[in-house]
Amino acid sequence: MRRYTKAERIVRNRKIMLAIGLIISFIFAFMLYSNRAVAENSRPVYTYYTSYEIQPGDTLWTIADQFMSPEVSDKEAFIENIKDINHIGGDNITAGKYIVIEYSSYEEL
């Protein structure tokens, strides 16, 4: 078995300490990031409903543009939700009628 010189042992120990330090740093960074992600996702989201009178020229797409919040990215799902709530079968809506629209907010009203 080979015997290491004092200088070789020092270099080896420094490499081991560096590796341990990097591993601890990665673990700490992961824990910090995952806690921040959990905190952002744990904000309460409040769901509200409003009544909207359909105006001449309105379509489900233009109504979705008016009521979609920036957090909602799927316009088709938002429109399907409007159709489900109001029992609308197709895409045709009539001016003068009222529909119920669901929207979400991080703020309690």
C-alpha atoms as a PDB file:
ATOM      1  CA  MET A   1       0.000   0.000   0.000  1.00  0.00           C
ATOM      2  CA  ARG A   2       1.346   3.379  -0.999  1.00  0.00           C
ATOM      3  CA  ARG A   3       1.952   5.981   1.674  1.00  0.00           C
ATOM      4  CA  TYR A   4       0.941   9.524   0.852  1.00  0.00           C
ATOM      5  CA  THR A   5       3.197  12.449   1.541  1.00  0.00           C
ATOM      6  CA  LYS A   6       1.966  15.233   3.761  1.00  0.00           C
ATOM      7  CA  ALA A   7       1.408  17.513   0.733  1.00  0.00           C
ATOM      8  CA  GLU A   8      -0.622  14.816  -1.077  1.00  0.00           C
ATOM      9  CA  ARG A   9      -2.811  14.288   2.015  1.00  0.00           C
ATOM     10  CA  ILE A  10      -3.446  18.017   2.271  1.00  0.00           C
ATOM     11  CA  VAL A  11      -4.459  18.225  -1.405  1.00  0.00           C
ATOM     12  CA  ARG A  12      -6.707  15.146  -1.061  1.00  0.00           C
ATOM     13  CA  ASN A  13      -8.352  16.533   2.078  1.00  0.00           C
ATOM     14  CA  ARG A  14      -8.959  19.888   0.388  1.00  0.00           C
ATOM     15  CA  LYS A  15     -10.621  18.159  -2.588  1.00  0.00           C
ATOM     16  CA  ILE A  16     -12.848  16.180  -0.220  1.00  0.00           C
ATOM     17  CA  MET A  17     -13.789  19.325   1.715  1.00  0.00           C
ATOM     18  CA  LEU A  18     -14.521  21.151  -1.554  1.00  0.00           C
ATOM     19  CA  ALA A  19     -16.775  18.310  -2.722  1.00  0.00           C
ATOM     20  CA  ILE A  20     -18.626  18.263   0.620  1.00  0.00           C
ATOM     21  CA  GLY A  21     -19.021  22.052   0.478  1.00  0.00           C
ATOM     22  CA  LEU A  22     -20.472  21.883  -3.041  1.00  0.00           C
ATOM     23  CA  ILE A  23     -22.914  19.154  -2.048  1.00  0.00           C
ATOM     24  CA  ILE A  24     -24.084  21.134   0.989  1.00  0.00           C
ATOM     25  CA  SER A  25     -24.440  24.267  -1.167  1.00  0.00           C
ATOM     26  CA  PHE A  26     -26.599  22.423  -3.721  1.00  0.00           C
ATOM     27  CA  ILE A  27     -28.796  20.969  -0.987  1.00  0.00           C
ATOM     28  CA  PHE A  28     -29.222  24.394   0.633  1.00  0.00           C
ATOM     29  CA  ALA A  29     -30.016  26.052  -2.719  1.00  0.00           C
ATOM     30  CA  PHE A  30     -32.573  23.348  -3.548  1.00  0.00           C
ATOM     31  CA  MET A  31     -34.277  23.735  -0.169  1.00  0.00           C
ATOM     32  CA  LEU A  32     -34.369  27.519  -0.506  1.00  0.00           C
ATOM     33  CA  TYR A  33     -35.818  27.367  -4.024  1.00  0.00           C
ATOM     34  CA  SER A  34     -38.418  24.718  -3.193  1.00  0.00           C
ATOM     35  CA  ASN A  35     -39.626  26.704  -0.152  1.00  0.00           C
ATOM     36  CA  ARG A  36     -40.039  29.799  -2.298  1.00  0.00           C
ATOM     37  CA  ALA A  37     -42.003  27.850  -4.921  1.00  0.00           C
ATOM     38  CA  VAL A  38     -44.291  26.413  -2.246  1.00  0.00           C
ATOM     39  CA  ALA A  39     -44.865  29.872  -0.767  1.00  0.00           C
ATOM     40  CA  GLU A  40     -45.865  31.304  -4.154  1.00  0.00           C
ATOM     41  CA  ASN A  41     -48.230  28.410  -4.847  1.00  0.00           C
ATOM     42  CA  SER A  42     -49.789  28.589  -1.395  1.00  0.00           C
ATOM     43  CA  ARG A  43     -51.339  32.019  -1.926  1.00  0.00           C
ATOM     44  CA  PRO A  44     -55.106  31.707  -1.568  1.00  0.00           C
ATOM     45  CA  VAL A  45     -57.061  32.102  -4.778  1.00  0.00           C
ATOM     46  CA  TYR A  46     -60.616  33.386  -4.450  1.00  0.00           C
ATOM     47  CA  THR A  47     -63.273  32.499  -7.002  1.00  0.00           C
ATOM     48  CA  TYR A  48     -66.022  34.998  -7.823  1.00  0.00           C
ATOM     49  CA  TYR A  49     -68.956  35.163 -10.208  1.00  0.00           C
ATOM     50  CA  THR A  50     -70.351  38.147 -12.040  1.00  0.00           C
ATOM     51  CA  SER A  51     -73.285  38.711 -14.334  1.00  0.00           C
ATOM     52  CA  TYR A  52     -72.618  40.229 -17.751  1.00  0.00           C
ATOM     53  CA  GLU A  53     -75.119  41.565 -20.269  1.00  0.00           C
ATOM     54  CA  ILE A  54     -74.158  40.483 -23.768  1.00  0.00           C
ATOM     55  CA  GLN A  55     -73.688  43.486 -26.028  1.00  0.00           C
ATOM     56  CA  PRO A  56     -74.270  43.566 -29.796  1.00  0.00           C
ATOM     57  CA  GLY A  57     -71.157  42.242 -31.531  1.00  0.00           C
ATOM     58  CA  ASP A  58     -69.925  40.323 -28.478  1.00  0.00           C
ATOM     59  CA  THR A  59     -68.539  36.834 -28.933  1.00  0.00           C
ATOM     60  CA  LEU A  60     -67.399  34.374 -26.325  1.00  0.00           C
ATOM     61  CA  TRP A  61     -63.828  35.191 -27.386  1.00  0.00           C
ATOM     62  CA  THR A  62     -64.220  38.946 -26.842  1.00  0.00           C
ATOM     63  CA  ILE A  63     -65.942  38.352 -23.491  1.00  0.00           C
ATOM     64  CA  ALA A  64     -63.073  36.051 -22.474  1.00  0.00           C
ATOM     65  CA  ASP A  65     -60.606  38.815 -23.412  1.00  0.00           C
ATOM     66  CA  GLN A  66     -62.439  41.198 -21.056  1.00  0.00           C
ATOM     67  CA  PHE A  67     -62.617  38.880 -18.052  1.00  0.00           C
ATOM     68  CA  MET A  68     -59.560  36.625 -18.230  1.00  0.00           C
ATOM     69  CA  SER A  69     -56.927  37.460 -15.648  1.00  0.00           C
ATOM     70  CA  PRO A  70     -53.232  37.396 -16.598  1.00  0.00           C
ATOM     71  CA  GLU A  71     -52.798  34.160 -14.604  1.00  0.00           C
ATOM     72  CA  VAL A  72     -55.197  32.333 -16.952  1.00  0.00           C
ATOM     73  CA  SER A  73     -53.431  31.250 -20.104  1.00  0.00           C
ATOM     74  CA  ASP A  74     -55.929  28.861 -21.712  1.00  0.00           C
ATOM     75  CA  LYS A  75     -58.637  30.923 -23.401  1.00  0.00           C
ATOM     76  CA  GLU A  76     -60.444  27.862 -24.764  1.00  0.00           C
ATOM     77  CA  ALA A  77     -60.773  26.386 -21.250  1.00  0.00           C
ATOM     78  CA  PHE A  78     -62.059  29.745 -19.969  1.00  0.00           C
ATOM     79  CA  ILE A  79     -64.693  29.826 -22.730  1.00  0.00           C
ATOM     80  CA  GLU A  80     -65.676  26.198 -22.034  1.00  0.00           C
ATOM     81  CA  ASN A  81     -66.161  27.164 -18.389  1.00  0.00           C
ATOM     82  CA  ILE A  82     -68.482  30.038 -19.415  1.00  0.00           C
ATOM     83  CA  LYS A  83     -70.423  27.662 -21.648  1.00  0.00           C
ATOM     84  CA  ASP A  84     -70.721  25.045 -18.894  1.00  0.00           C
ATOM     85  CA  ILE A  85     -71.888  27.497 -16.235  1.00  0.00           C
ATOM     86  CA  ASN A  86     -74.501  29.021 -18.556  1.00  0.00           C
ATOM     87  CA  HIS A  87     -75.566  25.772 -20.272  1.00  0.00           C
ATOM     88  CA  ILE A  88     -74.583  27.091 -23.701  1.00  0.00           C
ATOM     89  CA  GLY A  89     -74.335  24.319 -26.298  1.00  0.00           C
ATOM     90  CA  GLY A  90     -72.651  26.102 -29.167  1.00  0.00           C
ATOM     91  CA  ASP A  91     -70.776  29.316 -29.768  1.00  0.00           C
ATOM     92  CA  ASN A  92     -73.852  31.474 -30.474  1.00  0.00           C
ATOM     93  CA  ILE A  93     -74.871  34.067 -27.886  1.00  0.00           C
ATOM     94  CA  THR A  94     -77.638  36.666 -28.064  1.00  0.00           C
ATOM     95  CA  ALA A  95     -77.274  40.375 -27.338  1.00  0.00           C
ATOM     96  CA  GLY A  96     -79.362  41.548 -24.393  1.00  0.00           C
ATOM     97  CA  LYS A  97     -79.182  38.240 -22.520  1.00  0.00           C
ATOM     98  CA  TYR A  98     -77.161  37.819 -19.343  1.00  0.00           C
ATOM     99  CA  ILE A  99     -74.478  35.248 -18.678  1.00  0.00           C
ATOM    100  CA  VAL A 100     -72.587  34.353 -15.513  1.00  0.00           C
ATOM    101  CA  ILE A 101     -68.800  34.547 -15.661  1.00  0.00           C
ATOM    102  CA  GLU A 102     -66.445  32.936 -13.149  1.00  0.00           C
ATOM    103  CA  TYR A 103     -63.181  34.705 -12.410  1.00  0.00           C
ATOM    104  CA  SER A 104     -60.374  34.284  -9.889  1.00  0.00           C
ATOM    105  CA  SER A 105     -58.404  36.766  -7.826  1.00  0.00           C
ATOM    106  CA  TYR A 106     -55.668  36.681  -5.207  1.00  0.00           C
ATOM    107  CA  GLU A 107     -57.480  39.502  -3.400  1.00  0.00           C
ATOM    108  CA  GLU A 108     -60.472  38.916  -1.157  1.00  0.00           C
ATOM    109  CA  LEU A 109     -63.370  41.219  -1.967  1.00  0.00           C
END
